[in-house]
Amino acid sequence: MDNNYLKIIISKNVLIKYLILIMTLIHFSTSSFGNQKTNLYKDENIDISFLKAWDSKEATLYALFIKMKKNWKTYWKYPGDSGFSPEFKIIESNNLKKIAISWPTPKVFFENGSVINGYKEELILPIFFYKEKSSKKIDFKLNFLMGFCDDICIPIKFIINSKNALKANELKNKLVSNSLEKIPQDLSNSENLIECEVKKINKKMKLISKFDNNFFSNNNSIEQLILEYLDGQIWFSEISKTNKRFEFLSIINSLDDNNFFLDKSKIKYTIITRSGGFQHKGCKSPIN
């Protein structure tokens, strides 16, 4: 991809997503682990195992090991134009305070005019289960729903539980460690890395984001960008580089195009570079 011109379309067309969901459900086959004792699921396209990695005082780390047939993919927590947002629901728990899923930096795919954020062929997903009381062990049972797509999309719903999870071997634990290293680095406490302003251009409200040219250069050169807004009323589309190296332009969309307020502190940037991923919440107004 030409780094001098990068275009990512991220839209939120409710009707299109609804129609995609209906079409998907035609092919829907709710699945569960074939063997609940070992937390395994396998068919001709997808292979999933849920293993215990290691314990710490505050939490126990487990991981989903997902292998997919060539060209199959699954989705990041924010799937993009279309696709499945992964979901989980606690069925039973004991001494469980909270769950933290450590999503590795996703890839951005361009398919049929849509942008999809996710993973192809393999995903190792570490999940931290935090304890209410550090002296006691955790028990839990979870419903987990993930979507997998090639020519068709299939949601797979399955149960994972702590009591029957096998322990990962040394090689698997190393893979978990490698996956943890791929989590986007949080830059939100760093100052002056992103400036932004809102302007009306060609009758559309647009967000101009300017990135620090010292930090985001060389190995940290921005290859792909994902924008989220921590409020479902606003979203961004047609994100593209301008003719300036460290500047991006995106259209601001709102359910009420004529009356909205953009809170810059709610903008979440996921920045994919040559050296890995970064995340930054919020942007500051430019200094005039």
Protein backbone atom coordinates (compact mmCIF):
# COMPACT_ATOMS: atom_id res chain seq x y z
CA MET A 1 0.00 0.00 0.00
CA ASP A 2 1.27 3.47 -0.86
CA ASN A 3 2.06 5.17 2.43
CA ASN A 4 1.75 8.59 0.79
CA TYR A 5 -1.93 8.02 0.35
CA LEU A 6 -3.87 5.95 2.80
CA LYS A 7 -7.62 5.77 2.81
CA ILE A 8 -9.68 3.93 5.38
CA ILE A 9 -13.44 4.02 5.20
CA ILE A 10 -15.16 3.45 8.52
CA SER A 11 -18.89 3.90 8.41
CA LYS A 12 -21.79 3.06 10.65
CA ASN A 13 -24.69 2.39 8.36
CA VAL A 14 -27.20 0.76 10.65
CA LEU A 15 -29.33 -0.57 7.83
CA ILE A 16 -26.41 -2.29 6.09
CA LYS A 17 -25.24 -3.88 9.32
CA TYR A 18 -28.75 -5.10 10.02
CA LEU A 19 -29.04 -6.67 6.58
CA ILE A 20 -25.62 -8.31 6.96
CA LEU A 21 -26.72 -9.75 10.28
CA ILE A 22 -29.92 -11.16 8.76
CA MET A 23 -27.99 -12.75 5.88
CA THR A 24 -25.49 -14.21 8.33
CA LEU A 25 -28.18 -15.72 10.50
CA ILE A 26 -29.42 -17.63 7.46
CA HIS A 27 -26.13 -19.51 7.64
CA PHE A 28 -26.12 -19.49 11.41
CA SER A 29 -25.23 -22.64 13.23
CA THR A 30 -24.75 -22.05 16.93
CA SER A 31 -21.83 -24.16 18.03
CA SER A 32 -20.40 -25.13 21.37
CA PHE A 33 -17.26 -26.90 22.41
CA GLY A 34 -17.43 -30.49 21.29
CA ASN A 35 -15.68 -31.56 24.48
CA GLN A 36 -16.50 -29.49 27.54
CA LYS A 37 -13.88 -31.29 29.61
CA THR A 38 -11.04 -29.86 27.55
CA ASN A 39 -12.55 -26.58 26.30
CA LEU A 40 -11.97 -27.40 22.65
CA TYR A 41 -13.86 -26.56 19.47
CA LYS A 42 -12.93 -27.79 16.02
CA ASP A 43 -14.52 -28.01 12.58
CA GLU A 44 -13.11 -28.05 9.05
CA ASN A 45 -12.33 -24.32 9.15
CA ILE A 46 -11.86 -23.25 12.79
CA ASP A 47 -9.80 -24.71 15.63
CA ILE A 48 -10.16 -23.16 19.12
CA SER A 49 -8.66 -24.14 22.45
CA PHE A 50 -8.95 -22.40 25.82
CA LEU A 51 -5.95 -22.91 28.10
CA LYS A 52 -4.71 -21.66 31.45
CA ALA A 53 -1.45 -19.75 31.14
CA TRP A 54 -0.24 -18.66 34.59
CA ASP A 55 -1.27 -17.21 37.96
CA SER A 56 -0.36 -13.98 39.65
CA LYS A 57 -1.45 -12.53 42.97
CA GLU A 58 -4.14 -10.32 41.40
CA ALA A 59 -5.28 -12.42 38.45
CA THR A 60 -5.15 -15.67 36.54
CA LEU A 61 -4.27 -15.49 32.86
CA TYR A 62 -6.01 -17.71 30.33
CA ALA A 63 -5.88 -17.55 26.54
CA LEU A 64 -7.91 -18.52 23.50
CA PHE A 65 -5.78 -20.15 20.81
CA ILE A 66 -7.57 -19.73 17.49
CA LYS A 67 -6.44 -21.18 14.18
CA MET A 68 -8.36 -20.56 10.99
CA LYS A 69 -8.20 -22.08 7.54
CA LYS A 70 -6.49 -19.95 4.86
CA ASN A 71 -8.46 -16.75 4.03
CA TRP A 72 -10.68 -17.09 7.11
CA LYS A 73 -10.72 -14.20 9.55
CA THR A 74 -12.17 -13.11 12.86
CA TYR A 75 -12.77 -9.63 14.24
CA TRP A 76 -11.16 -7.14 16.58
CA LYS A 77 -13.24 -5.61 19.40
CA TYR A 78 -14.18 -2.80 16.98
CA PRO A 79 -14.81 -4.69 13.72
CA GLY A 80 -15.06 -1.74 11.32
CA ASP A 81 -17.70 -1.29 8.62
CA SER A 82 -19.29 -4.69 9.12
CA GLY A 83 -18.73 -7.89 10.98
CA PHE A 84 -19.19 -9.22 14.48
CA SER A 85 -18.26 -7.41 17.63
CA PRO A 86 -17.06 -10.24 19.90
CA GLU A 87 -19.25 -10.70 22.96
CA PHE A 88 -18.90 -12.53 26.23
CA LYS A 89 -21.27 -13.09 29.11
CA ILE A 90 -20.54 -14.48 32.56
CA ILE A 91 -22.79 -17.43 33.37
CA GLU A 92 -21.29 -18.44 36.71
CA SER A 93 -18.38 -17.14 38.75
CA ASN A 94 -16.71 -17.38 42.12
CA ASN A 95 -14.20 -14.82 43.42
CA LEU A 96 -14.20 -13.05 40.04
CA LYS A 97 -13.74 -9.27 40.19
CA LYS A 98 -13.43 -8.40 36.50
CA ILE A 99 -12.23 -9.63 33.11
CA ALA A 100 -9.70 -7.85 30.87
CA ILE A 101 -9.23 -9.04 27.29
CA SER A 102 -5.83 -8.13 25.85
CA TRP A 103 -6.47 -7.58 22.14
CA PRO A 104 -3.32 -7.64 19.97
CA THR A 105 -2.96 -4.87 17.38
CA PRO A 106 -5.34 -5.78 14.53
CA LYS A 107 -4.82 -5.73 10.79
CA VAL A 108 -6.99 -3.57 8.56
CA PHE A 109 -8.47 -5.33 5.53
CA PHE A 110 -10.17 -3.73 2.54
CA GLU A 111 -12.88 -5.96 1.11
CA ASN A 112 -15.66 -5.02 -1.34
CA GLY A 113 -15.41 -1.35 -0.48
CA SER A 114 -15.54 -2.02 3.26
CA VAL A 115 -12.93 -1.76 5.98
CA ILE A 116 -12.58 -4.66 8.40
CA ASN A 117 -10.42 -4.71 11.53
CA GLY A 118 -9.35 -8.17 12.59
CA TYR A 119 -7.07 -11.16 12.26
CA LYS A 120 -6.49 -13.77 9.59
CA GLU A 121 -5.56 -17.43 10.07
CA GLU A 122 -4.38 -17.14 13.69
CA LEU A 123 -5.20 -15.28 16.89
CA ILE A 124 -3.92 -15.81 20.41
CA LEU A 125 -6.16 -13.85 22.75
CA PRO A 126 -4.96 -13.45 26.36
CA ILE A 127 -7.70 -12.91 28.95
CA PHE A 128 -6.99 -11.79 32.52
CA PHE A 129 -9.45 -12.93 35.18
CA TYR A 130 -8.98 -10.68 38.22
CA LYS A 131 -9.69 -11.96 41.72
CA GLU A 132 -11.90 -10.46 44.41
CA LYS A 133 -9.65 -12.01 47.07
CA SER A 134 -6.06 -12.74 46.09
CA SER A 135 -5.80 -15.66 48.52
CA LYS A 136 -8.57 -17.62 46.80
CA LYS A 137 -8.75 -19.19 43.36
CA ILE A 138 -11.15 -18.15 40.61
CA ASP A 139 -13.90 -20.29 39.13
CA PHE A 140 -16.03 -19.18 36.18
CA LYS A 141 -18.13 -20.21 33.23
CA LEU A 142 -18.51 -17.85 30.25
CA ASN A 143 -20.54 -17.66 27.08
CA PHE A 144 -18.33 -16.39 24.26
CA LEU A 145 -19.54 -15.35 20.79
CA MET A 146 -17.15 -14.66 17.92
CA GLY A 147 -17.72 -14.30 14.20
CA PHE A 148 -15.61 -16.03 11.56
CA CYS A 149 -15.78 -15.20 7.87
CA ASP A 150 -14.60 -16.26 4.45
CA ASP A 151 -17.18 -16.40 1.65
CA ILE A 152 -19.82 -16.70 4.35
CA CYS A 153 -19.82 -15.59 7.97
CA ILE A 154 -20.49 -17.98 10.83
CA PRO A 155 -21.00 -16.89 14.45
CA ILE A 156 -19.64 -19.49 16.84
CA LYS A 157 -21.05 -19.46 20.34
CA PHE A 158 -19.30 -21.58 22.91
CA ILE A 159 -18.74 -22.00 26.62
CA ILE A 160 -15.37 -21.63 28.31
CA ASN A 161 -14.82 -22.61 31.91
CA SER A 162 -12.01 -22.65 34.43
CA LYS A 163 -12.60 -26.04 36.00
CA ASN A 164 -11.80 -28.03 32.87
CA ALA A 165 -9.20 -25.78 31.24
CA LEU A 166 -5.91 -27.55 30.58
CA LYS A 167 -2.66 -25.85 31.49
CA ALA A 168 -0.60 -24.41 28.65
CA ASN A 169 2.85 -25.88 28.09
CA GLU A 170 6.06 -23.84 27.86
CA LEU A 171 5.71 -23.25 24.11
CA LYS A 172 2.09 -22.10 24.43
CA ASN A 173 3.01 -19.74 27.27
CA LYS A 174 5.71 -18.22 25.10
CA LEU A 175 3.10 -17.60 22.40
CA VAL A 176 0.88 -15.91 24.99
CA SER A 177 3.79 -13.68 26.01
CA ASN A 178 4.40 -12.78 22.37
CA SER A 179 0.72 -11.90 21.96
CA LEU A 180 0.81 -9.66 25.04
CA GLU A 181 3.73 -7.79 23.49
CA LYS A 182 1.52 -6.99 20.47
CA ILE A 183 -1.07 -5.07 22.49
CA PRO A 184 -1.19 -1.42 21.35
CA GLN A 185 0.93 0.75 23.62
CA ASP A 186 -1.11 3.37 25.46
CA LEU A 187 0.15 6.88 24.76
CA SER A 188 -2.71 8.74 26.46
CA ASN A 189 -0.43 10.12 29.18
CA SER A 190 1.97 11.52 26.61
CA GLU A 191 1.57 15.19 25.86
CA ASN A 192 1.42 16.99 22.54
CA LEU A 193 1.40 13.89 20.30
CA ILE A 194 -1.90 14.63 18.53
CA GLU A 195 -3.51 17.96 17.67
CA CYS A 196 -6.97 18.10 16.14
CA GLU A 197 -9.52 20.61 14.92
CA VAL A 198 -12.96 20.51 13.36
CA LYS A 199 -13.64 22.33 10.09
CA LYS A 200 -16.47 22.46 7.60
CA ILE A 201 -15.09 21.43 4.20
CA ASN A 202 -17.31 20.98 1.12
CA LYS A 203 -20.44 21.14 3.30
CA LYS A 204 -19.20 18.33 5.54
CA MET A 205 -17.81 18.51 9.06
CA LYS A 206 -14.34 17.05 9.12
CA LEU A 207 -11.74 16.22 11.75
CA ILE A 208 -8.16 17.19 10.99
CA SER A 209 -5.65 15.23 13.09
CA LYS A 210 -1.99 16.22 13.17
CA PHE A 211 0.54 13.80 14.63
CA ASP A 212 3.86 14.67 16.23
CA ASN A 213 6.50 14.43 13.50
CA ASN A 214 9.26 13.45 15.90
CA PHE A 215 7.48 10.48 17.47
CA PHE A 216 5.58 9.23 14.40
CA SER A 217 8.52 8.89 12.02
CA ASN A 218 10.92 6.14 10.94
CA ASN A 219 9.75 2.84 12.50
CA ASN A 220 6.75 4.61 14.04
CA SER A 221 5.59 5.92 10.68
CA ILE A 222 1.78 5.59 10.55
CA GLU A 223 0.61 2.91 8.12
CA GLN A 224 -3.04 2.58 9.16
CA LEU A 225 -5.37 4.46 11.45
CA ILE A 226 -8.60 3.50 13.23
CA LEU A 227 -10.80 6.13 14.84
CA GLU A 228 -13.48 5.45 17.45
CA TYR A 229 -15.71 7.77 19.40
CA LEU A 230 -16.69 6.74 22.91
CA ASP A 231 -20.32 7.58 22.22
CA GLY A 232 -22.53 5.79 19.70
CA GLN A 233 -23.99 9.05 18.42
CA ILE A 234 -20.88 9.99 16.43
CA TRP A 235 -18.53 8.04 14.14
CA PHE A 236 -15.83 8.73 11.57
CA SER A 237 -15.53 7.75 7.91
CA GLU A 238 -13.23 8.20 4.91
CA ILE A 239 -10.07 8.58 6.94
CA SER A 240 -7.20 9.56 4.65
CA LYS A 241 -3.79 11.13 4.67
CA THR A 242 -3.62 14.67 3.40
CA ASN A 243 -0.75 15.99 1.32
CA LYS A 244 1.04 16.64 4.60
CA ARG A 245 2.98 13.65 5.91
CA PHE A 246 1.72 13.68 9.50
CA GLU A 247 -1.85 14.85 8.92
CA PHE A 248 -5.08 12.87 8.51
CA LEU A 249 -8.55 13.99 7.48
CA SER A 250 -11.82 12.23 8.33
CA ILE A 251 -15.54 12.94 7.95
CA ILE A 252 -17.52 13.34 11.16
CA ASN A 253 -20.87 11.57 11.06
CA SER A 254 -23.70 12.03 13.53
CA LEU A 255 -27.23 10.72 13.96
CA ASP A 256 -28.19 14.38 14.03
CA ASP A 257 -26.02 16.01 11.37
CA ASN A 258 -27.32 19.48 12.14
CA ASN A 259 -26.77 19.49 15.86
CA PHE A 260 -23.91 17.70 17.58
CA PHE A 261 -21.01 18.45 19.87
CA LEU A 262 -17.68 16.70 19.40
CA ASP A 263 -15.92 16.07 22.70
CA LYS A 264 -12.26 15.72 21.73
CA SER A 265 -11.50 13.76 24.89
CA LYS A 266 -13.77 10.96 23.63
CA ILE A 267 -11.86 10.38 20.39
CA LYS A 268 -9.85 7.17 20.52
CA TYR A 269 -7.00 6.70 18.07
CA THR A 270 -5.58 3.26 17.25
CA ILE A 271 -2.39 3.89 15.32
CA ILE A 272 -0.77 1.04 13.41
CA THR A 273 2.90 1.61 12.58
CA ARG A 274 5.81 -0.40 11.26
CA SER A 275 6.98 -1.14 14.79
CA GLY A 276 3.56 -2.03 16.26
CA GLY A 277 0.38 -0.48 17.54
CA PHE A 278 -0.32 2.54 19.71
CA GLN A 279 -3.48 3.91 21.29
CA HIS A 280 -4.20 7.47 22.29
CA LYS A 281 -7.37 8.83 23.86
CA GLY A 282 -8.21 12.40 23.08
CA CYS A 283 -6.45 15.16 21.15
CA LYS A 284 -5.66 18.76 21.90
CA SER A 285 -6.62 21.88 20.03
CA PRO A 286 -3.79 23.30 17.90
CA ILE A 287 -1.75 26.15 19.32
CA ASN A 288 -2.39 29.25 17.23
